[in-house]
Amino acid sequence: ADSFADLSVAAGLGTRQDSNDELADRFVQATKDLIRDLEIPTYVKGFPASMVPVVAERALNEAHGNAYPFSQAPMKYMLELGYPVPVYMTQDQCENVVANFVDPSAPSGSKL
């Protein structure tokens, strides 16, 4: 909450006299309001729930340096180190994040 509180003060949404939780809540609400006002989509158009496990697996492979199987591309496999990531997620954790971007109107069995 401290980081959001700092951002809230920097954005002029409160002062240090307000509690960190209150400041954080204001910043989160202001962000949601901005997303709504700018009409920024909150999902990926056409992205079906059925693809969540596939996208999560691909994301984890790429982030962890496993994008290229050794049998198909030995040099790429050896040179691909992945991305520096702040947190290593499990498949389930990654799927929970990716699921936030599912298009509610996408047919359930469709592919990307």
PDB file of N, CA and C in Angstrom:
ATOM      1  N   ALA A   1       0.821  -1.198   0.000  1.00  0.00           N
ATOM      2  CA  ALA A   1       0.000   0.000   0.000  1.00  0.00           C
ATOM      3  C   ALA A   1       0.860   1.254   0.000  1.00  0.00           C
ATOM      4  N   ASP A   2       2.089   1.170   0.496  1.00  0.00           N
ATOM      5  CA  ASP A   2       2.950   2.350   0.551  1.00  0.00           C
ATOM      6  C   ASP A   2       3.244   2.906  -0.834  1.00  0.00           C
ATOM      7  N   SER A   3       3.519   2.036  -1.807  1.00  0.00           N
ATOM      8  CA  SER A   3       3.818   2.506  -3.169  1.00  0.00           C
ATOM      9  C   SER A   3       2.619   3.205  -3.782  1.00  0.00           C
ATOM     10  N   PHE A   4       1.435   2.628  -3.625  1.00  0.00           N
ATOM     11  CA  PHE A   4       0.226   3.265  -4.142  1.00  0.00           C
ATOM     12  C   PHE A   4      -0.051   4.567  -3.398  1.00  0.00           C
ATOM     13  N   ALA A   5       0.245   4.595  -2.103  1.00  0.00           N
ATOM     14  CA  ALA A   5       0.057   5.822  -1.329  1.00  0.00           C
ATOM     15  C   ALA A   5       0.979   6.917  -1.863  1.00  0.00           C
ATOM     16  N   ASP A   6       2.219   6.560  -2.152  1.00  0.00           N
ATOM     17  CA  ASP A   6       3.164   7.528  -2.720  1.00  0.00           C
ATOM     18  C   ASP A   6       2.667   8.048  -4.064  1.00  0.00           C
ATOM     19  N   LEU A   7       2.177   7.151  -4.901  1.00  0.00           N
ATOM     20  CA  LEU A   7       1.645   7.555  -6.207  1.00  0.00           C
ATOM     21  C   LEU A   7       0.423   8.455  -6.046  1.00  0.00           C
ATOM     22  N   SER A   8      -0.405   8.156  -5.067  1.00  0.00           N
ATOM     23  CA  SER A   8      -1.601   8.949  -4.825  1.00  0.00           C
ATOM     24  C   SER A   8      -1.232  10.378  -4.433  1.00  0.00           C
ATOM     25  N   VAL A   9      -0.258  10.523  -3.550  1.00  0.00           N
ATOM     26  CA  VAL A   9       0.201  11.857  -3.139  1.00  0.00           C
ATOM     27  C   VAL A   9       0.804  12.581  -4.335  1.00  0.00           C
ATOM     28  N   ALA A  10       1.624  11.884  -5.124  1.00  0.00           N
ATOM     29  CA  ALA A  10       2.246  12.495  -6.302  1.00  0.00           C
ATOM     30  C   ALA A  10       1.198  12.945  -7.321  1.00  0.00           C
ATOM     31  N   ALA A  11       0.084  12.232  -7.394  1.00  0.00           N
ATOM     32  CA  ALA A  11      -0.977  12.574  -8.340  1.00  0.00           C
ATOM     33  C   ALA A  11      -1.926  13.635  -7.782  1.00  0.00           C
ATOM     34  N   GLY A  12      -1.676  14.088  -6.566  1.00  0.00           N
ATOM     35  CA  GLY A  12      -2.511  15.112  -5.979  1.00  0.00           C
ATOM     36  C   GLY A  12      -3.841  14.602  -5.459  1.00  0.00           C
ATOM     37  N   LEU A  13      -3.908  13.332  -5.136  1.00  0.00           N
ATOM     38  CA  LEU A  13      -5.164  12.738  -4.673  1.00  0.00           C
ATOM     39  C   LEU A  13      -5.306  12.743  -3.159  1.00  0.00           C
ATOM     40  N   GLY A  14      -4.303  13.235  -2.473  1.00  0.00           N
ATOM     41  CA  GLY A  14      -4.335  13.290  -1.019  1.00  0.00           C
ATOM     42  C   GLY A  14      -3.024  13.824  -0.486  1.00  0.00           C
ATOM     43  N   THR A  15      -2.881  13.781   0.830  1.00  0.00           N
ATOM     44  CA  THR A  15      -1.661  14.260   1.483  1.00  0.00           C
ATOM     45  C   THR A  15      -1.136  13.174   2.418  1.00  0.00           C
ATOM     46  N   ARG A  16       0.034  13.379   2.933  1.00  0.00           N
ATOM     47  CA  ARG A  16       0.644  12.418   3.861  1.00  0.00           C
ATOM     48  C   ARG A  16      -0.138  12.317   5.169  1.00  0.00           C
ATOM     49  N   GLN A  17      -1.056  13.243   5.413  1.00  0.00           N
ATOM     50  CA  GLN A  17      -1.876  13.166   6.617  1.00  0.00           C
ATOM     51  C   GLN A  17      -2.943  12.072   6.478  1.00  0.00           C
ATOM     52  N   ASP A  18      -3.265  11.677   5.251  1.00  0.00           N
ATOM     53  CA  ASP A  18      -4.226  10.594   5.015  1.00  0.00           C
ATOM     54  C   ASP A  18      -3.540   9.255   5.250  1.00  0.00           C
ATOM     55  N   SER A  19      -4.317   8.241   5.584  1.00  0.00           N
ATOM     56  CA  SER A  19      -3.730   6.913   5.825  1.00  0.00           C
ATOM     57  C   SER A  19      -3.253   6.312   4.494  1.00  0.00           C
ATOM     58  N   ASN A  20      -2.260   5.448   4.579  1.00  0.00           N
ATOM     59  CA  ASN A  20      -1.749   4.778   3.378  1.00  0.00           C
ATOM     60  C   ASN A  20      -2.844   3.987   2.674  1.00  0.00           C
ATOM     61  N   ASP A  21      -3.690   3.321   3.432  1.00  0.00           N
ATOM     62  CA  ASP A  21      -4.777   2.537   2.827  1.00  0.00           C
ATOM     63  C   ASP A  21      -5.757   3.438   2.086  1.00  0.00           C
ATOM     64  N   GLU A  22      -6.084   4.566   2.692  1.00  0.00           N
ATOM     65  CA  GLU A  22      -7.006   5.496   2.046  1.00  0.00           C
ATOM     66  C   GLU A  22      -6.386   6.063   0.763  1.00  0.00           C
ATOM     67  N   LEU A  23      -5.114   6.428   0.832  1.00  0.00           N
ATOM     68  CA  LEU A  23      -4.415   6.953  -0.350  1.00  0.00           C
ATOM     69  C   LEU A  23      -4.344   5.899  -1.448  1.00  0.00           C
ATOM     70  N   ALA A  24      -4.032   4.679  -1.061  1.00  0.00           N
ATOM     71  CA  ALA A  24      -3.945   3.591  -2.044  1.00  0.00           C
ATOM     72  C   ALA A  24      -5.286   3.371  -2.716  1.00  0.00           C
ATOM     73  N   ASP A  25      -6.351   3.362  -1.929  1.00  0.00           N
ATOM     74  CA  ASP A  25      -7.694   3.182  -2.494  1.00  0.00           C
ATOM     75  C   ASP A  25      -8.032   4.299  -3.482  1.00  0.00           C
ATOM     76  N   ARG A  26      -7.655   5.520  -3.134  1.00  0.00           N
ATOM     77  CA  ARG A  26      -7.921   6.642  -4.041  1.00  0.00           C
ATOM     78  C   ARG A  26      -7.167   6.479  -5.357  1.00  0.00           C
ATOM     79  N   PHE A  27      -5.913   6.026  -5.268  1.00  0.00           N
ATOM     80  CA  PHE A  27      -5.123   5.859  -6.484  1.00  0.00           C
ATOM     81  C   PHE A  27      -5.711   4.763  -7.365  1.00  0.00           C
ATOM     82  N   VAL A  28      -6.090   3.654  -6.771  1.00  0.00           N
ATOM     83  CA  VAL A  28      -6.687   2.552  -7.541  1.00  0.00           C
ATOM     84  C   VAL A  28      -7.978   3.022  -8.200  1.00  0.00           C
ATOM     85  N   GLN A  29      -8.822   3.736  -7.461  1.00  0.00           N
ATOM     86  CA  GLN A  29     -10.075   4.220  -8.026  1.00  0.00           C
ATOM     87  C   GLN A  29      -9.820   5.231  -9.144  1.00  0.00           C
ATOM     88  N   ALA A  30      -8.854   6.123  -8.956  1.00  0.00           N
ATOM     89  CA  ALA A  30      -8.529   7.103  -9.994  1.00  0.00           C
ATOM     90  C   ALA A  30      -8.027   6.404 -11.257  1.00  0.00           C
ATOM     91  N   THR A  31      -7.268   5.319 -11.086  1.00  0.00           N
ATOM     92  CA  THR A  31      -6.781   4.553 -12.236  1.00  0.00           C
ATOM     93  C   THR A  31      -7.948   3.895 -12.968  1.00  0.00           C
ATOM     94  N   LYS A  32      -8.858   3.300 -12.219  1.00  0.00           N
ATOM     95  CA  LYS A  32     -10.041   2.689 -12.838  1.00  0.00           C
ATOM     96  C   LYS A  32     -10.882   3.732 -13.565  1.00  0.00           C
ATOM     97  N   ASP A  33     -11.034   4.901 -12.974  1.00  0.00           N
ATOM     98  CA  ASP A  33     -11.791   5.984 -13.607  1.00  0.00           C
ATOM     99  C   ASP A  33     -11.117   6.417 -14.909  1.00  0.00           C
ATOM    100  N   LEU A  34      -9.801   6.524 -14.899  1.00  0.00           N
ATOM    101  CA  LEU A  34      -9.055   6.928 -16.097  1.00  0.00           C
ATOM    102  C   LEU A  34      -9.219   5.895 -17.213  1.00  0.00           C
ATOM    103  N   ILE A  35      -9.122   4.629 -16.858  1.00  0.00           N
ATOM    104  CA  ILE A  35      -9.315   3.556 -17.849  1.00  0.00           C
ATOM    105  C   ILE A  35     -10.700   3.656 -18.469  1.00  0.00           C
ATOM    106  N   ARG A  36     -11.713   3.884 -17.633  1.00  0.00           N
ATOM    107  CA  ARG A  36     -13.082   4.027 -18.126  1.00  0.00           C
ATOM    108  C   ARG A  36     -13.214   5.278 -19.006  1.00  0.00           C
ATOM    109  N   ASP A  37     -12.699   6.407 -18.534  1.00  0.00           N
ATOM    110  CA  ASP A  37     -12.836   7.672 -19.264  1.00  0.00           C
ATOM    111  C   ASP A  37     -12.124   7.648 -20.612  1.00  0.00           C
ATOM    112  N   LEU A  38     -10.991   6.968 -20.675  1.00  0.00           N
ATOM    113  CA  LEU A  38     -10.241   6.868 -21.932  1.00  0.00           C
ATOM    114  C   LEU A  38     -10.710   5.710 -22.802  1.00  0.00           C
ATOM    115  N   GLU A  39     -11.686   4.968 -22.302  1.00  0.00           N
ATOM    116  CA  GLU A  39     -12.251   3.824 -23.010  1.00  0.00           C
ATOM    117  C   GLU A  39     -11.183   2.794 -23.398  1.00  0.00           C
ATOM    118  N   ILE A  40     -10.298   2.525 -22.465  1.00  0.00           N
ATOM    119  CA  ILE A  40      -9.259   1.514 -22.666  1.00  0.00           C
ATOM    120  C   ILE A  40      -9.884   0.145 -22.425  1.00  0.00           C
ATOM    121  N   PRO A  41      -9.781  -0.758 -23.387  1.00  0.00           N
ATOM    122  CA  PRO A  41     -10.384  -2.093 -23.194  1.00  0.00           C
ATOM    123  C   PRO A  41      -9.769  -2.808 -21.998  1.00  0.00           C
ATOM    124  N   THR A  42     -10.594  -3.544 -21.306  1.00  0.00           N
ATOM    125  CA  THR A  42     -10.106  -4.309 -20.155  1.00  0.00           C
ATOM    126  C   THR A  42      -9.958  -5.791 -20.485  1.00  0.00           C
ATOM    127  N   TYR A  43     -10.132  -6.130 -21.764  1.00  0.00           N
ATOM    128  CA  TYR A  43      -9.950  -7.507 -22.210  1.00  0.00           C
ATOM    129  C   TYR A  43      -9.388  -7.474 -23.633  1.00  0.00           C
ATOM    130  N   VAL A  44      -8.926  -8.632 -24.094  1.00  0.00           N
ATOM    131  CA  VAL A  44      -8.395  -8.752 -25.450  1.00  0.00           C
ATOM    132  C   VAL A  44      -9.520  -9.258 -26.346  1.00  0.00           C
ATOM    133  N   LYS A  45      -9.886  -8.456 -27.324  1.00  0.00           N
ATOM    134  CA  LYS A  45     -11.004  -8.803 -28.202  1.00  0.00           C
ATOM    135  C   LYS A  45     -10.758 -10.158 -28.875  1.00  0.00           C
ATOM    136  N   GLY A  46     -11.744 -11.042 -28.758  1.00  0.00           N
ATOM    137  CA  GLY A  46     -11.665 -12.355 -29.385  1.00  0.00           C
ATOM    138  C   GLY A  46     -10.890 -13.390 -28.592  1.00  0.00           C
ATOM    139  N   PHE A  47     -10.373 -13.022 -27.419  1.00  0.00           N
ATOM    140  CA  PHE A  47      -9.567 -13.944 -26.612  1.00  0.00           C
ATOM    141  C   PHE A  47     -10.488 -14.847 -25.790  1.00  0.00           C
ATOM    142  N   PRO A  48     -10.566 -16.153 -26.157  1.00  0.00           N
ATOM    143  CA  PRO A  48     -11.476 -17.072 -25.465  1.00  0.00           C
ATOM    144  C   PRO A  48     -10.851 -17.689 -24.215  1.00  0.00           C
ATOM    145  N   ALA A  49     -11.685 -18.044 -23.279  1.00  0.00           N
ATOM    146  CA  ALA A  49     -11.221 -18.681 -22.044  1.00  0.00           C
ATOM    147  C   ALA A  49     -10.483 -19.989 -22.324  1.00  0.00           C
ATOM    148  N   SER A  50     -10.862 -20.671 -23.404  1.00  0.00           N
ATOM    149  CA  SER A  50     -10.227 -21.956 -23.726  1.00  0.00           C
ATOM    150  C   SER A  50      -8.730 -21.820 -24.029  1.00  0.00           C
ATOM    151  N   MET A  51      -8.274 -20.606 -24.355  1.00  0.00           N
ATOM    152  CA  MET A  51      -6.870 -20.400 -24.692  1.00  0.00           C
ATOM    153  C   MET A  51      -6.009 -19.970 -23.506  1.00  0.00           C
ATOM    154  N   VAL A  52      -6.624 -19.749 -22.357  1.00  0.00           N
ATOM    155  CA  VAL A  52      -5.883 -19.279 -21.183  1.00  0.00           C
ATOM    156  C   VAL A  52      -4.712 -20.201 -20.835  1.00  0.00           C
ATOM    157  N   PRO A  53      -4.905 -21.528 -20.726  1.00  0.00           N
ATOM    158  CA  PRO A  53      -3.769 -22.394 -20.386  1.00  0.00           C
ATOM    159  C   PRO A  53      -2.641 -22.340 -21.419  1.00  0.00           C
ATOM    160  N   VAL A  54      -2.988 -22.244 -22.691  1.00  0.00           N
ATOM    161  CA  VAL A  54      -1.982 -22.207 -23.755  1.00  0.00           C
ATOM    162  C   VAL A  54      -1.164 -20.913 -23.683  1.00  0.00           C
ATOM    163  N   VAL A  55      -1.857 -19.793 -23.539  1.00  0.00           N
ATOM    164  CA  VAL A  55      -1.178 -18.495 -23.467  1.00  0.00           C
ATOM    165  C   VAL A  55      -0.305 -18.437 -22.217  1.00  0.00           C
ATOM    166  N   ALA A  56      -0.803 -18.925 -21.098  1.00  0.00           N
ATOM    167  CA  ALA A  56      -0.026 -18.925 -19.856  1.00  0.00           C
ATOM    168  C   ALA A  56       1.236 -19.780 -20.009  1.00  0.00           C
ATOM    169  N   GLU A  57       1.089 -20.945 -20.617  1.00  0.00           N
ATOM    170  CA  GLU A  57       2.251 -21.822 -20.815  1.00  0.00           C
ATOM    171  C   GLU A  57       3.289 -21.153 -21.715  1.00  0.00           C
ATOM    172  N   ARG A  58       2.830 -20.539 -22.792  1.00  0.00           N
ATOM    173  CA  ARG A  58       3.755 -19.850 -23.692  1.00  0.00           C
ATOM    174  C   ARG A  58       4.461 -18.692 -22.997  1.00  0.00           C
ATOM    175  N   ALA A  59       3.710 -17.940 -22.198  1.00  0.00           N
ATOM    176  CA  ALA A  59       4.293 -16.809 -21.475  1.00  0.00           C
ATOM    177  C   ALA A  59       5.368 -17.291 -20.503  1.00  0.00           C
ATOM    178  N   LEU A  60       5.074 -18.351 -19.779  1.00  0.00           N
ATOM    179  CA  LEU A  60       6.051 -18.889 -18.827  1.00  0.00           C
ATOM    180  C   LEU A  60       7.282 -19.421 -19.543  1.00  0.00           C
ATOM    181  N   ASN A  61       7.083 -20.111 -20.656  1.00  0.00           N
ATOM    182  CA  ASN A  61       8.227 -20.623 -21.417  1.00  0.00           C
ATOM    183  C   ASN A  61       9.117 -19.491 -21.908  1.00  0.00           C
ATOM    184  N   GLU A  62       8.498 -18.450 -22.417  1.00  0.00           N
ATOM    185  CA  GLU A  62       9.273 -17.318 -22.920  1.00  0.00           C
ATOM    186  C   GLU A  62       9.997 -16.592 -21.784  1.00  0.00           C
ATOM    187  N   ALA A  63       9.312 -16.349 -20.690  1.00  0.00           N
ATOM    188  CA  ALA A  63       9.904 -15.629 -19.565  1.00  0.00           C
ATOM    189  C   ALA A  63      11.045 -16.406 -18.918  1.00  0.00           C
ATOM    190  N   HIS A  64      10.935 -17.721 -18.918  1.00  0.00           N
ATOM    191  CA  HIS A  64      11.944 -18.552 -18.253  1.00  0.00           C
ATOM    192  C   HIS A  64      13.021 -19.077 -19.191  1.00  0.00           C
ATOM    193  N   GLY A  65      12.991 -18.644 -20.440  1.00  0.00           N
ATOM    194  CA  GLY A  65      14.020 -19.068 -21.369  1.00  0.00           C
ATOM    195  C   GLY A  65      13.799 -20.444 -21.947  1.00  0.00           C
ATOM    196  N   ASN A  66      12.564 -20.892 -22.018  1.00  0.00           N
ATOM    197  CA  ASN A  66      12.244 -22.218 -22.543  1.00  0.00           C
ATOM    198  C   ASN A  66      11.403 -22.130 -23.816  1.00  0.00           C
ATOM    199  N   ALA A  67      11.549 -21.045 -24.564  1.00  0.00           N
ATOM    200  CA  ALA A  67      10.693 -20.823 -25.730  1.00  0.00           C
ATOM    201  C   ALA A  67      11.031 -21.766 -26.882  1.00  0.00           C
ATOM    202  N   TYR A  68      12.265 -22.236 -26.924  1.00  0.00           N
ATOM    203  CA  TYR A  68      12.694 -23.078 -28.046  1.00  0.00           C
ATOM    204  C   TYR A  68      13.109 -24.455 -27.543  1.00  0.00           C
ATOM    205  N   PRO A  69      12.427 -25.507 -27.950  1.00  0.00           N
ATOM    206  CA  PRO A  69      12.842 -26.857 -27.557  1.00  0.00           C
ATOM    207  C   PRO A  69      14.219 -27.183 -28.125  1.00  0.00           C
ATOM    208  N   PHE A  70      15.041 -27.842 -27.350  1.00  0.00           N
ATOM    209  CA  PHE A  70      16.404 -28.178 -27.786  1.00  0.00           C
ATOM    210  C   PHE A  70      16.384 -29.003 -29.070  1.00  0.00           C
ATOM    211  N   SER A  71      15.441 -29.915 -29.181  1.00  0.00           N
ATOM    212  CA  SER A  71      15.386 -30.797 -30.348  1.00  0.00           C
ATOM    213  C   SER A  71      15.070 -30.044 -31.640  1.00  0.00           C
ATOM    214  N   GLN A  72      14.390 -28.911 -31.545  1.00  0.00           N
ATOM    215  CA  GLN A  72      14.010 -28.162 -32.743  1.00  0.00           C
ATOM    216  C   GLN A  72      14.982 -27.040 -33.074  1.00  0.00           C
ATOM    217  N   ALA A  73      15.601 -26.433 -32.074  1.00  0.00           N
ATOM    218  CA  ALA A  73      16.498 -25.300 -32.308  1.00  0.00           C
ATOM    219  C   ALA A  73      17.580 -25.270 -31.230  1.00  0.00           C
ATOM    220  N   PRO A  74      18.600 -26.140 -31.349  1.00  0.00           N
ATOM    221  CA  PRO A  74      19.616 -26.253 -30.295  1.00  0.00           C
ATOM    222  C   PRO A  74      20.330 -24.937 -29.975  1.00  0.00           C
ATOM    223  N   MET A  75      20.698 -24.166 -30.989  1.00  0.00           N
ATOM    224  CA  MET A  75      21.412 -22.907 -30.725  1.00  0.00           C
ATOM    225  C   MET A  75      20.512 -21.899 -30.026  1.00  0.00           C
ATOM    226  N   LYS A  76      19.284 -21.754 -30.497  1.00  0.00           N
ATOM    227  CA  LYS A  76      18.348 -20.830 -29.844  1.00  0.00           C
ATOM    228  C   LYS A  76      18.099 -21.264 -28.407  1.00  0.00           C
ATOM    229  N   TYR A  77      17.980 -22.578 -28.204  1.00  0.00           N
ATOM    230  CA  TYR A  77      17.751 -23.094 -26.857  1.00  0.00           C
ATOM    231  C   TYR A  77      18.894 -22.689 -25.927  1.00  0.00           C
ATOM    232  N   MET A  78      20.137 -22.821 -26.405  1.00  0.00           N
ATOM    233  CA  MET A  78      21.296 -22.522 -25.572  1.00  0.00           C
ATOM    234  C   MET A  78      21.492 -21.023 -25.354  1.00  0.00           C
ATOM    235  N   LEU A  79      21.084 -20.208 -26.315  1.00  0.00           N
ATOM    236  CA  LEU A  79      21.300 -18.763 -26.210  1.00  0.00           C
ATOM    237  C   LEU A  79      20.138 -18.009 -25.569  1.00  0.00           C
ATOM    238  N   GLU A  80      18.983 -18.614 -25.536  1.00  0.00           N
ATOM    239  CA  GLU A  80      17.797 -17.957 -24.976  1.00  0.00           C
ATOM    240  C   GLU A  80      17.819 -18.064 -23.457  1.00  0.00           C
ATOM    241  N   LEU A  81      18.027 -16.945 -22.794  1.00  0.00           N
ATOM    242  CA  LEU A  81      18.120 -16.950 -21.333  1.00  0.00           C
ATOM    243  C   LEU A  81      16.825 -16.536 -20.646  1.00  0.00           C
ATOM    244  N   GLY A  82      15.852 -16.102 -21.430  1.00  0.00           N
ATOM    245  CA  GLY A  82      14.601 -15.640 -20.842  1.00  0.00           C
ATOM    246  C   GLY A  82      14.695 -14.175 -20.461  1.00  0.00           C
ATOM    247  N   TYR A  83      13.679 -13.715 -19.748  1.00  0.00           N
ATOM    248  CA  TYR A  83      13.613 -12.322 -19.324  1.00  0.00           C
ATOM    249  C   TYR A  83      13.890 -12.236 -17.828  1.00  0.00           C
ATOM    250  N   PRO A  84      14.470 -11.121 -17.386  1.00  0.00           N
ATOM    251  CA  PRO A  84      14.549 -10.936 -15.935  1.00  0.00           C
ATOM    252  C   PRO A  84      13.144 -10.615 -15.427  1.00  0.00           C
ATOM    253  N   VAL A  85      12.601 -11.483 -14.628  1.00  0.00           N
ATOM    254  CA  VAL A  85      11.242 -11.303 -14.132  1.00  0.00           C
ATOM    255  C   VAL A  85      11.287 -11.149 -12.609  1.00  0.00           C
ATOM    256  N   PRO A  86      10.414 -10.288 -12.054  1.00  0.00           N
ATOM    257  CA  PRO A  86      10.456 -10.075 -10.611  1.00  0.00           C
ATOM    258  C   PRO A  86       9.893 -11.245  -9.802  1.00  0.00           C
ATOM    259  N   VAL A  87       9.045 -12.057 -10.442  1.00  0.00           N
ATOM    260  CA  VAL A  87       8.417 -13.178  -9.744  1.00  0.00           C
ATOM    261  C   VAL A  87       8.305 -14.359 -10.701  1.00  0.00           C
ATOM    262  N   TYR A  88       8.649 -15.537 -10.230  1.00  0.00           N
ATOM    263  CA  TYR A  88       8.415 -16.740 -11.018  1.00  0.00           C
ATOM    264  C   TYR A  88       7.050 -17.287 -10.616  1.00  0.00           C
ATOM    265  N   MET A  89       6.176 -17.404 -11.604  1.00  0.00           N
ATOM    266  CA  MET A  89       4.822 -17.886 -11.351  1.00  0.00           C
ATOM    267  C   MET A  89       4.704 -19.357 -11.686  1.00  0.00           C
ATOM    268  N   THR A  90       3.747 -19.988 -11.032  1.00  0.00           N
ATOM    269  CA  THR A  90       3.371 -21.345 -11.418  1.00  0.00           C
ATOM    270  C   THR A  90       2.399 -21.228 -12.597  1.00  0.00           C
ATOM    271  N   GLN A  91       2.100 -22.336 -13.215  1.00  0.00           N
ATOM    272  CA  GLN A  91       1.119 -22.351 -14.306  1.00  0.00           C
ATOM    273  C   GLN A  91      -0.221 -21.799 -13.817  1.00  0.00           C
ATOM    274  N   ASP A  92      -0.669 -22.240 -12.652  1.00  0.00           N
ATOM    275  CA  ASP A  92      -1.960 -21.778 -12.112  1.00  0.00           C
ATOM    276  C   ASP A  92      -1.956 -20.275 -11.840  1.00  0.00           C
ATOM    277  N   GLN A  93      -0.879 -19.773 -11.270  1.00  0.00           N
ATOM    278  CA  GLN A  93      -0.792 -18.337 -11.002  1.00  0.00           C
ATOM    279  C   GLN A  93      -0.841 -17.534 -12.297  1.00  0.00           C
ATOM    280  N   CYS A  94      -0.114 -17.984 -13.292  1.00  0.00           N
ATOM    281  CA  CYS A  94      -0.090 -17.299 -14.577  1.00  0.00           C
ATOM    282  C   CYS A  94      -1.470 -17.355 -15.241  1.00  0.00           C
ATOM    283  N   GLU A  95      -2.120 -18.496 -15.179  1.00  0.00           N
ATOM    284  CA  GLU A  95      -3.467 -18.613 -15.751  1.00  0.00           C
ATOM    285  C   GLU A  95      -4.438 -17.654 -15.072  1.00  0.00           C
ATOM    286  N   ASN A  96      -4.300 -17.466 -13.768  1.00  0.00           N
ATOM    287  CA  ASN A  96      -5.176 -16.531 -13.054  1.00  0.00           C
ATOM    288  C   ASN A  96      -4.980 -15.103 -13.557  1.00  0.00           C
ATOM    289  N   VAL A  97      -3.748 -14.729 -13.874  1.00  0.00           N
ATOM    290  CA  VAL A  97      -3.480 -13.396 -14.410  1.00  0.00           C
ATOM    291  C   VAL A  97      -4.030 -13.281 -15.826  1.00  0.00           C
ATOM    292  N   VAL A  98      -3.713 -14.255 -16.669  1.00  0.00           N
ATOM    293  CA  VAL A  98      -4.132 -14.231 -18.074  1.00  0.00           C
ATOM    294  C   VAL A  98      -5.661 -14.238 -18.192  1.00  0.00           C
ATOM    295  N   ALA A  99      -6.328 -14.940 -17.301  1.00  0.00           N
ATOM    296  CA  ALA A  99      -7.791 -15.041 -17.352  1.00  0.00           C
ATOM    297  C   ALA A  99      -8.479 -13.684 -17.209  1.00  0.00           C
ATOM    298  N   ASN A 100      -7.788 -12.727 -16.645  1.00  0.00           N
ATOM    299  CA  ASN A 100      -8.360 -11.383 -16.505  1.00  0.00           C
ATOM    300  C   ASN A 100      -8.593 -10.695 -17.846  1.00  0.00           C
ATOM    301  N   PHE A 101      -7.995 -11.205 -18.912  1.00  0.00           N
ATOM    302  CA  PHE A 101      -8.071 -10.552 -20.211  1.00  0.00           C
ATOM    303  C   PHE A 101      -8.974 -11.275 -21.205  1.00  0.00           C
ATOM    304  N   VAL A 102      -9.728 -12.257 -20.725  1.00  0.00           N
ATOM    305  CA  VAL A 102     -10.650 -13.021 -21.575  1.00  0.00           C
ATOM    306  C   VAL A 102     -11.791 -12.116 -22.038  1.00  0.00           C
ATOM    307  N   ASP A 103     -12.113 -12.234 -23.321  1.00  0.00           N
ATOM    308  CA  ASP A 103     -13.242 -11.506 -23.906  1.00  0.00           C
ATOM    309  C   ASP A 103     -14.518 -12.240 -23.515  1.00  0.00           C
ATOM    310  N   PRO A 104     -15.394 -11.596 -22.737  1.00  0.00           N
ATOM    311  CA  PRO A 104     -16.612 -12.288 -22.309  1.00  0.00           C
ATOM    312  C   PRO A 104     -17.541 -12.677 -23.460  1.00  0.00           C
ATOM    313  N   SER A 105     -17.361 -12.057 -24.622  1.00  0.00           N
ATOM    314  CA  SER A 105     -18.230 -12.386 -25.763  1.00  0.00           C
ATOM    315  C   SER A 105     -17.592 -13.384 -26.728  1.00  0.00           C
ATOM    316  N   ALA A 106     -16.358 -13.820 -26.448  1.00  0.00           N
ATOM    317  CA  ALA A 106     -15.667 -14.779 -27.334  1.00  0.00           C
ATOM    318  C   ALA A 106     -16.289 -16.166 -27.182  1.00  0.00           C
ATOM    319  N   PRO A 107     -16.483 -16.868 -28.310  1.00  0.00           N
ATOM    320  CA  PRO A 107     -16.981 -18.258 -28.217  1.00  0.00           C
ATOM    321  C   PRO A 107     -16.020 -19.107 -27.395  1.00  0.00           C
ATOM    322  N   SER A 108     -16.534 -19.968 -26.570  1.00  0.00           N
ATOM    323  CA  SER A 108     -15.706 -20.711 -25.615  1.00  0.00           C
ATOM    324  C   SER A 108     -14.705 -21.668 -26.253  1.00  0.00           C
ATOM    325  N   GLY A 109     -14.998 -22.239 -27.390  1.00  0.00           N
ATOM    326  CA  GLY A 109     -14.091 -23.212 -27.982  1.00  0.00           C
ATOM    327  C   GLY A 109     -13.182 -22.645 -29.055  1.00  0.00           C
ATOM    328  N   SER A 110     -13.213 -21.339 -29.271  1.00  0.00           N
ATOM    329  CA  SER A 110     -12.432 -20.776 -30.379  1.00  0.00           C
ATOM    330  C   SER A 110     -10.948 -20.693 -30.045  1.00  0.00           C
ATOM    331  N   LYS A 111     -10.150 -20.619 -31.083  1.00  0.00           N
ATOM    332  CA  LYS A 111      -8.685 -20.518 -30.963  1.00  0.00           C
ATOM    333  C   LYS A 111      -8.264 -19.140 -31.423  1.00  0.00           C
ATOM    334  N   LEU A 112      -7.122 -18.713 -30.947  1.00  0.00           N
ATOM    335  CA  LEU A 112      -6.586 -17.425 -31.382  1.00  0.00           C
ATOM    336  C   LEU A 112      -6.005 -17.514 -32.766  1.00  0.00           C
TER     337      LEU A 112
END
